[in-house]
Amino acid sequence: MSANVKKKTIDTLARNLREAARTGKPCAPVRHDLPERDIDAAYAVQEANTVHWLSEGRRLVGRKIGLTSRVVQVLLG
């Protein structure tokens, strides 16, 4: 995890994303709360949710890697 981003921030952002998924109501983009271009912090949010969902019995079956594409990065800002 990025040394610039506290675990509390990572956990809060992960929880916000889970709540948005649960309710179907969008949350603010996490990029606004993470340092620009801090890929480690972004992956830490993803990992926090992966750990959470695995602890609830979900099964890991793949990975979404779209943001490694420059075209998708530009598209999503």
PDB file of N, CA and C in Angstrom:
ATOM      1  N   MET A   1       0.846  -1.180   0.000  1.00  0.00           N
ATOM      2  CA  MET A   1       0.000   0.000   0.000  1.00  0.00           C
ATOM      3  C   MET A   1       0.889   1.241   0.000  1.00  0.00           C
ATOM      4  N   SER A   2       0.418   2.288  -0.615  1.00  0.00           N
ATOM      5  CA  SER A   2       1.149   3.535  -0.678  1.00  0.00           C
ATOM      6  C   SER A   2       1.376   4.092   0.715  1.00  0.00           C
ATOM      7  N   ALA A   3       2.586   4.580   0.953  1.00  0.00           N
ATOM      8  CA  ALA A   3       2.892   5.189   2.242  1.00  0.00           C
ATOM      9  C   ALA A   3       2.127   6.498   2.418  1.00  0.00           C
ATOM     10  N   ASN A   4       1.643   7.077   1.327  1.00  0.00           N
ATOM     11  CA  ASN A   4       0.947   8.360   1.387  1.00  0.00           C
ATOM     12  C   ASN A   4      -0.516   8.240   1.790  1.00  0.00           C
ATOM     13  N   VAL A   5      -1.046   7.048   1.746  1.00  0.00           N
ATOM     14  CA  VAL A   5      -2.475   6.872   2.006  1.00  0.00           C
ATOM     15  C   VAL A   5      -2.645   5.991   3.240  1.00  0.00           C
ATOM     16  N   LYS A   6      -3.368   6.507   4.214  1.00  0.00           N
ATOM     17  CA  LYS A   6      -3.582   5.770   5.455  1.00  0.00           C
ATOM     18  C   LYS A   6      -4.553   4.617   5.250  1.00  0.00           C
ATOM     19  N   LYS A   7      -4.356   3.581   6.051  1.00  0.00           N
ATOM     20  CA  LYS A   7      -5.241   2.412   5.987  1.00  0.00           C
ATOM     21  C   LYS A   7      -6.692   2.813   6.210  1.00  0.00           C
ATOM     22  N   LYS A   8      -6.931   3.781   7.073  1.00  0.00           N
ATOM     23  CA  LYS A   8      -8.300   4.231   7.340  1.00  0.00           C
ATOM     24  C   LYS A   8      -8.952   4.752   6.051  1.00  0.00           C
ATOM     25  N   THR A   9      -8.207   5.501   5.251  1.00  0.00           N
ATOM     26  CA  THR A   9      -8.728   6.017   3.987  1.00  0.00           C
ATOM     27  C   THR A   9      -9.045   4.868   3.045  1.00  0.00           C
ATOM     28  N   ILE A  10      -8.140   3.907   2.954  1.00  0.00           N
ATOM     29  CA  ILE A  10      -8.351   2.739   2.088  1.00  0.00           C
ATOM     30  C   ILE A  10      -9.610   2.001   2.511  1.00  0.00           C
ATOM     31  N   ASP A  11      -9.749   1.749   3.803  1.00  0.00           N
ATOM     32  CA  ASP A  11     -10.916   1.027   4.314  1.00  0.00           C
ATOM     33  C   ASP A  11     -12.209   1.791   4.073  1.00  0.00           C
ATOM     34  N   THR A  12     -12.177   3.103   4.252  1.00  0.00           N
ATOM     35  CA  THR A  12     -13.369   3.925   4.027  1.00  0.00           C
ATOM     36  C   THR A  12     -13.783   3.892   2.567  1.00  0.00           C
ATOM     37  N   LEU A  13     -12.842   4.039   1.660  1.00  0.00           N
ATOM     38  CA  LEU A  13     -13.155   4.010   0.232  1.00  0.00           C
ATOM     39  C   LEU A  13     -13.688   2.645  -0.184  1.00  0.00           C
ATOM     40  N   ALA A  14     -13.090   1.593   0.334  1.00  0.00           N
ATOM     41  CA  ALA A  14     -13.557   0.238   0.015  1.00  0.00           C
ATOM     42  C   ALA A  14     -14.991   0.052   0.513  1.00  0.00           C
ATOM     43  N   ARG A  15     -15.254   0.513   1.711  1.00  0.00           N
ATOM     44  CA  ARG A  15     -16.603   0.398   2.282  1.00  0.00           C
ATOM     45  C   ARG A  15     -17.610   1.205   1.457  1.00  0.00           C
ATOM     46  N   ASN A  16     -17.223   2.396   0.997  1.00  0.00           N
ATOM     47  CA  ASN A  16     -18.110   3.213   0.160  1.00  0.00           C
ATOM     48  C   ASN A  16     -18.466   2.478  -1.138  1.00  0.00           C
ATOM     49  N   LEU A  17     -17.493   1.822  -1.741  1.00  0.00           N
ATOM     50  CA  LEU A  17     -17.746   1.076  -2.974  1.00  0.00           C
ATOM     51  C   LEU A  17     -18.675  -0.110  -2.718  1.00  0.00           C
ATOM     52  N   ARG A  18     -18.464  -0.800  -1.609  1.00  0.00           N
ATOM     53  CA  ARG A  18     -19.351  -1.927  -1.276  1.00  0.00           C
ATOM     54  C   ARG A  18     -20.770  -1.443  -1.035  1.00  0.00           C
ATOM     55  N   GLU A  19     -20.912  -0.318  -0.360  1.00  0.00           N
ATOM     56  CA  GLU A  19     -22.247   0.223  -0.097  1.00  0.00           C
ATOM     57  C   GLU A  19     -22.928   0.628  -1.406  1.00  0.00           C
ATOM     58  N   ALA A  20     -22.189   1.210  -2.321  1.00  0.00           N
ATOM     59  CA  ALA A  20     -22.752   1.581  -3.623  1.00  0.00           C
ATOM     60  C   ALA A  20     -23.206   0.329  -4.374  1.00  0.00           C
ATOM     61  N   ALA A  21     -22.418  -0.712  -4.311  1.00  0.00           N
ATOM     62  CA  ALA A  21     -22.792  -1.962  -4.977  1.00  0.00           C
ATOM     63  C   ALA A  21     -24.031  -2.564  -4.326  1.00  0.00           C
ATOM     64  N   ARG A  22     -24.110  -2.491  -3.015  1.00  0.00           N
ATOM     65  CA  ARG A  22     -25.246  -3.071  -2.288  1.00  0.00           C
ATOM     66  C   ARG A  22     -26.545  -2.320  -2.573  1.00  0.00           C
ATOM     67  N   THR A  23     -26.471  -0.990  -2.595  1.00  0.00           N
ATOM     68  CA  THR A  23     -27.684  -0.180  -2.725  1.00  0.00           C
ATOM     69  C   THR A  23     -28.026   0.170  -4.173  1.00  0.00           C
ATOM     70  N   GLY A  24     -27.045   0.062  -5.058  1.00  0.00           N
ATOM     71  CA  GLY A  24     -27.273   0.487  -6.438  1.00  0.00           C
ATOM     72  C   GLY A  24     -27.181   1.990  -6.620  1.00  0.00           C
ATOM     73  N   LYS A  25     -26.764   2.696  -5.567  1.00  0.00           N
ATOM     74  CA  LYS A  25     -26.604   4.148  -5.635  1.00  0.00           C
ATOM     75  C   LYS A  25     -25.117   4.472  -5.770  1.00  0.00           C
ATOM     76  N   PRO A  26     -24.745   5.271  -6.773  1.00  0.00           N
ATOM     77  CA  PRO A  26     -23.325   5.554  -6.987  1.00  0.00           C
ATOM     78  C   PRO A  26     -22.712   6.353  -5.841  1.00  0.00           C
ATOM     79  N   CYS A  27     -21.425   6.153  -5.665  1.00  0.00           N
ATOM     80  CA  CYS A  27     -20.660   6.947  -4.711  1.00  0.00           C
ATOM     81  C   CYS A  27     -19.695   7.828  -5.509  1.00  0.00           C
ATOM     82  N   ALA A  28     -19.076   8.751  -4.831  1.00  0.00           N
ATOM     83  CA  ALA A  28     -18.088   9.607  -5.492  1.00  0.00           C
ATOM     84  C   ALA A  28     -16.929   8.745  -5.981  1.00  0.00           C
ATOM     85  N   PRO A  29     -16.344   9.087  -7.118  1.00  0.00           N
ATOM     86  CA  PRO A  29     -15.193   8.312  -7.603  1.00  0.00           C
ATOM     87  C   PRO A  29     -14.068   8.309  -6.570  1.00  0.00           C
ATOM     88  N   VAL A  30     -13.471   7.144  -6.359  1.00  0.00           N
ATOM     89  CA  VAL A  30     -12.397   7.047  -5.360  1.00  0.00           C
ATOM     90  C   VAL A  30     -11.172   7.855  -5.769  1.00  0.00           C
ATOM     91  N   ARG A  31     -11.032   8.140  -7.041  1.00  0.00           N
ATOM     92  CA  ARG A  31      -9.852   8.890  -7.491  1.00  0.00           C
ATOM     93  C   ARG A  31      -9.763  10.266  -6.849  1.00  0.00           C
ATOM     94  N   HIS A  32     -10.908  10.802  -6.394  1.00  0.00           N
ATOM     95  CA  HIS A  32     -10.891  12.116  -5.757  1.00  0.00           C
ATOM     96  C   HIS A  32     -10.278  12.068  -4.356  1.00  0.00           C
ATOM     97  N   ASP A  33     -10.213  10.894  -3.765  1.00  0.00           N
ATOM     98  CA  ASP A  33      -9.695  10.752  -2.411  1.00  0.00           C
ATOM     99  C   ASP A  33      -8.337  10.064  -2.338  1.00  0.00           C
ATOM    100  N   LEU A  34      -7.784   9.757  -3.504  1.00  0.00           N
ATOM    101  CA  LEU A  34      -6.459   9.138  -3.561  1.00  0.00           C
ATOM    102  C   LEU A  34      -5.496  10.089  -4.270  1.00  0.00           C
ATOM    103  N   PRO A  35      -4.225  10.040  -3.902  1.00  0.00           N
ATOM    104  CA  PRO A  35      -3.249  10.866  -4.615  1.00  0.00           C
ATOM    105  C   PRO A  35      -3.228  10.495  -6.103  1.00  0.00           C
ATOM    106  N   GLU A  36      -3.078  11.500  -6.936  1.00  0.00           N
ATOM    107  CA  GLU A  36      -3.065  11.270  -8.380  1.00  0.00           C
ATOM    108  C   GLU A  36      -1.962  10.283  -8.751  1.00  0.00           C
ATOM    109  N   ARG A  37      -2.332   9.336  -9.577  1.00  0.00           N
ATOM    110  CA  ARG A  37      -1.422   8.314 -10.104  1.00  0.00           C
ATOM    111  C   ARG A  37      -0.843   7.383  -9.045  1.00  0.00           C
ATOM    112  N   ASP A  38      -1.510   7.261  -7.914  1.00  0.00           N
ATOM    113  CA  ASP A  38      -1.054   6.353  -6.858  1.00  0.00           C
ATOM    114  C   ASP A  38      -1.705   4.992  -7.081  1.00  0.00           C
ATOM    115  N   ILE A  39      -1.123   4.238  -7.975  1.00  0.00           N
ATOM    116  CA  ILE A  39      -1.671   2.941  -8.355  1.00  0.00           C
ATOM    117  C   ILE A  39      -1.681   1.976  -7.165  1.00  0.00           C
ATOM    118  N   ASP A  40      -0.667   2.053  -6.322  1.00  0.00           N
ATOM    119  CA  ASP A  40      -0.620   1.166  -5.155  1.00  0.00           C
ATOM    120  C   ASP A  40      -1.826   1.396  -4.247  1.00  0.00           C
ATOM    121  N   ALA A  41      -2.210   2.644  -4.061  1.00  0.00           N
ATOM    122  CA  ALA A  41      -3.362   2.944  -3.210  1.00  0.00           C
ATOM    123  C   ALA A  41      -4.648   2.427  -3.854  1.00  0.00           C
ATOM    124  N   ALA A  42      -4.777   2.602  -5.161  1.00  0.00           N
ATOM    125  CA  ALA A  42      -5.969   2.112  -5.860  1.00  0.00           C
ATOM    126  C   ALA A  42      -6.083   0.590  -5.738  1.00  0.00           C
ATOM    127  N   TYR A  43      -4.976  -0.098  -5.913  1.00  0.00           N
ATOM    128  CA  TYR A  43      -5.003  -1.549  -5.766  1.00  0.00           C
ATOM    129  C   TYR A  43      -5.260  -1.955  -4.315  1.00  0.00           C
ATOM    130  N   ALA A  44      -4.846  -1.130  -3.357  1.00  0.00           N
ATOM    131  CA  ALA A  44      -5.119  -1.434  -1.951  1.00  0.00           C
ATOM    132  C   ALA A  44      -6.617  -1.387  -1.671  1.00  0.00           C
ATOM    133  N   VAL A  45      -7.335  -0.442  -2.291  1.00  0.00           N
ATOM    134  CA  VAL A  45      -8.789  -0.385  -2.147  1.00  0.00           C
ATOM    135  C   VAL A  45      -9.404  -1.653  -2.732  1.00  0.00           C
ATOM    136  N   GLN A  46      -8.949  -2.028  -3.904  1.00  0.00           N
ATOM    137  CA  GLN A  46      -9.453  -3.245  -4.538  1.00  0.00           C
ATOM    138  C   GLN A  46      -9.177  -4.468  -3.664  1.00  0.00           C
ATOM    139  N   GLU A  47      -7.990  -4.554  -3.127  1.00  0.00           N
ATOM    140  CA  GLU A  47      -7.623  -5.700  -2.291  1.00  0.00           C
ATOM    141  C   GLU A  47      -8.461  -5.746  -1.016  1.00  0.00           C
ATOM    142  N   ALA A  48      -8.733  -4.586  -0.434  1.00  0.00           N
ATOM    143  CA  ALA A  48      -9.573  -4.546   0.773  1.00  0.00           C
ATOM    144  C   ALA A  48     -10.948  -5.144   0.486  1.00  0.00           C
ATOM    145  N   ASN A  49     -11.506  -4.820  -0.669  1.00  0.00           N
ATOM    146  CA  ASN A  49     -12.813  -5.394  -1.010  1.00  0.00           C
ATOM    147  C   ASN A  49     -12.707  -6.867  -1.356  1.00  0.00           C
ATOM    148  N   THR A  50     -11.654  -7.277  -2.005  1.00  0.00           N
ATOM    149  CA  THR A  50     -11.463  -8.691  -2.304  1.00  0.00           C
ATOM    150  C   THR A  50     -11.405  -9.500  -1.009  1.00  0.00           C
ATOM    151  N   VAL A  51     -10.628  -9.031  -0.048  1.00  0.00           N
ATOM    152  CA  VAL A  51     -10.515  -9.713   1.247  1.00  0.00           C
ATOM    153  C   VAL A  51     -11.881  -9.753   1.935  1.00  0.00           C
ATOM    154  N   HIS A  52     -12.595  -8.642   1.906  1.00  0.00           N
ATOM    155  CA  HIS A  52     -13.924  -8.597   2.530  1.00  0.00           C
ATOM    156  C   HIS A  52     -14.859  -9.625   1.911  1.00  0.00           C
ATOM    157  N   TRP A  53     -14.950  -9.610   0.588  1.00  0.00           N
ATOM    158  CA  TRP A  53     -15.888 -10.505  -0.083  1.00  0.00           C
ATOM    159  C   TRP A  53     -15.492 -11.972   0.054  1.00  0.00           C
ATOM    160  N   LEU A  54     -14.209 -12.268   0.059  1.00  0.00           N
ATOM    161  CA  LEU A  54     -13.775 -13.647   0.280  1.00  0.00           C
ATOM    162  C   LEU A  54     -14.163 -14.113   1.681  1.00  0.00           C
ATOM    163  N   SER A  55     -14.081 -13.192   2.646  1.00  0.00           N
ATOM    164  CA  SER A  55     -14.451 -13.550   4.021  1.00  0.00           C
ATOM    165  C   SER A  55     -15.944 -13.826   4.148  1.00  0.00           C
ATOM    166  N   GLU A  56     -16.731 -13.340   3.187  1.00  0.00           N
ATOM    167  CA  GLU A  56     -18.174 -13.602   3.174  1.00  0.00           C
ATOM    168  C   GLU A  56     -18.538 -14.833   2.348  1.00  0.00           C
ATOM    169  N   GLY A  57     -17.522 -15.520   1.848  1.00  0.00           N
ATOM    170  CA  GLY A  57     -17.780 -16.761   1.135  1.00  0.00           C
ATOM    171  C   GLY A  57     -17.740 -16.672  -0.380  1.00  0.00           C
ATOM    172  N   ARG A  58     -17.480 -15.488  -0.907  1.00  0.00           N
ATOM    173  CA  ARG A  58     -17.365 -15.394  -2.367  1.00  0.00           C
ATOM    174  C   ARG A  58     -16.107 -16.123  -2.814  1.00  0.00           C
ATOM    175  N   ARG A  59     -16.060 -16.406  -4.099  1.00  0.00           N
ATOM    176  CA  ARG A  59     -14.935 -17.121  -4.681  1.00  0.00           C
ATOM    177  C   ARG A  59     -14.269 -16.232  -5.725  1.00  0.00           C
ATOM    178  N   LEU A  60     -12.949 -16.149  -5.705  1.00  0.00           N
ATOM    179  CA  LEU A  60     -12.204 -15.364  -6.682  1.00  0.00           C
ATOM    180  C   LEU A  60     -12.110 -16.162  -7.977  1.00  0.00           C
ATOM    181  N   VAL A  61     -12.635 -15.597  -9.065  1.00  0.00           N
ATOM    182  CA  VAL A  61     -12.641 -16.322 -10.329  1.00  0.00           C
ATOM    183  C   VAL A  61     -11.947 -15.560 -11.456  1.00  0.00           C
ATOM    184  N   GLY A  62     -11.494 -14.364 -11.208  1.00  0.00           N
ATOM    185  CA  GLY A  62     -10.817 -13.610 -12.265  1.00  0.00           C
ATOM    186  C   GLY A  62     -10.424 -12.244 -11.774  1.00  0.00           C
ATOM    187  N   ARG A  63      -9.850 -11.470 -12.666  1.00  0.00           N
ATOM    188  CA  ARG A  63      -9.422 -10.124 -12.320  1.00  0.00           C
ATOM    189  C   ARG A  63      -9.798  -9.166 -13.437  1.00  0.00           C
ATOM    190  N   LYS A  64     -10.182  -7.969 -13.061  1.00  0.00           N
ATOM    191  CA  LYS A  64     -10.481  -6.925 -14.027  1.00  0.00           C
ATOM    192  C   LYS A  64      -9.223  -6.078 -14.172  1.00  0.00           C
ATOM    193  N   ILE A  65      -8.700  -5.964 -15.366  1.00  0.00           N
ATOM    194  CA  ILE A  65      -7.437  -5.247 -15.546  1.00  0.00           C
ATOM    195  C   ILE A  65      -7.553  -4.126 -16.570  1.00  0.00           C
ATOM    196  N   GLY A  66      -8.753  -3.628 -16.816  1.00  0.00           N
ATOM    197  CA  GLY A  66      -8.977  -2.620 -17.843  1.00  0.00           C
ATOM    198  C   GLY A  66      -8.161  -1.357 -17.671  1.00  0.00           C
ATOM    199  N   LEU A  67      -7.893  -0.934 -16.426  1.00  0.00           N
ATOM    200  CA  LEU A  67      -7.178   0.315 -16.244  1.00  0.00           C
ATOM    201  C   LEU A  67      -5.692   0.211 -16.558  1.00  0.00           C
ATOM    202  N   THR A  68      -5.219  -0.947 -16.912  1.00  0.00           N
ATOM    203  CA  THR A  68      -3.834  -1.031 -17.375  1.00  0.00           C
ATOM    204  C   THR A  68      -3.740  -0.597 -18.829  1.00  0.00           C
ATOM    205  N   SER A  69      -4.875  -0.466 -19.478  1.00  0.00           N
ATOM    206  CA  SER A  69      -4.929   0.003 -20.867  1.00  0.00           C
ATOM    207  C   SER A  69      -4.933   1.529 -20.882  1.00  0.00           C
ATOM    208  N   ARG A  70      -4.028   2.135 -21.622  1.00  0.00           N
ATOM    209  CA  ARG A  70      -3.947   3.598 -21.708  1.00  0.00           C
ATOM    210  C   ARG A  70      -5.257   4.186 -22.233  1.00  0.00           C
ATOM    211  N   VAL A  71      -5.883   3.518 -23.175  1.00  0.00           N
ATOM    212  CA  VAL A  71      -7.143   3.999 -23.735  1.00  0.00           C
ATOM    213  C   VAL A  71      -8.212   4.099 -22.636  1.00  0.00           C
ATOM    214  N   VAL A  72      -8.306   3.082 -21.793  1.00  0.00           N
ATOM    215  CA  VAL A  72      -9.297   3.084 -20.718  1.00  0.00           C
ATOM    216  C   VAL A  72      -8.926   4.117 -19.664  1.00  0.00           C
ATOM    217  N   GLN A  73      -7.650   4.288 -19.379  1.00  0.00           N
ATOM    218  CA  GLN A  73      -7.213   5.312 -18.420  1.00  0.00           C
ATOM    219  C   GLN A  73      -7.658   6.692 -18.882  1.00  0.00           C
ATOM    220  N   VAL A  74      -7.466   6.991 -20.144  1.00  0.00           N
ATOM    221  CA  VAL A  74      -7.877   8.286 -20.690  1.00  0.00           C
ATOM    222  C   VAL A  74      -9.394   8.425 -20.624  1.00  0.00           C
ATOM    223  N   LEU A  75     -10.100   7.379 -20.999  1.00  0.00           N
ATOM    224  CA  LEU A  75     -11.556   7.388 -20.994  1.00  0.00           C
ATOM    225  C   LEU A  75     -12.106   7.701 -19.609  1.00  0.00           C
ATOM    226  N   LEU A  76     -11.508   7.115 -18.563  1.00  0.00           N
ATOM    227  CA  LEU A  76     -11.998   7.263 -17.207  1.00  0.00           C
ATOM    228  C   LEU A  76     -11.340   8.395 -16.429  1.00  0.00           C
ATOM    229  N   GLY A  77     -10.427   9.110 -17.082  1.00  0.00           N
ATOM    230  CA  GLY A  77      -9.792  10.259 -16.422  1.00  0.00           C
ATOM    231  C   GLY A  77      -8.762   9.848 -15.413  1.00  0.00           C
TER     232      GLY A  77
END
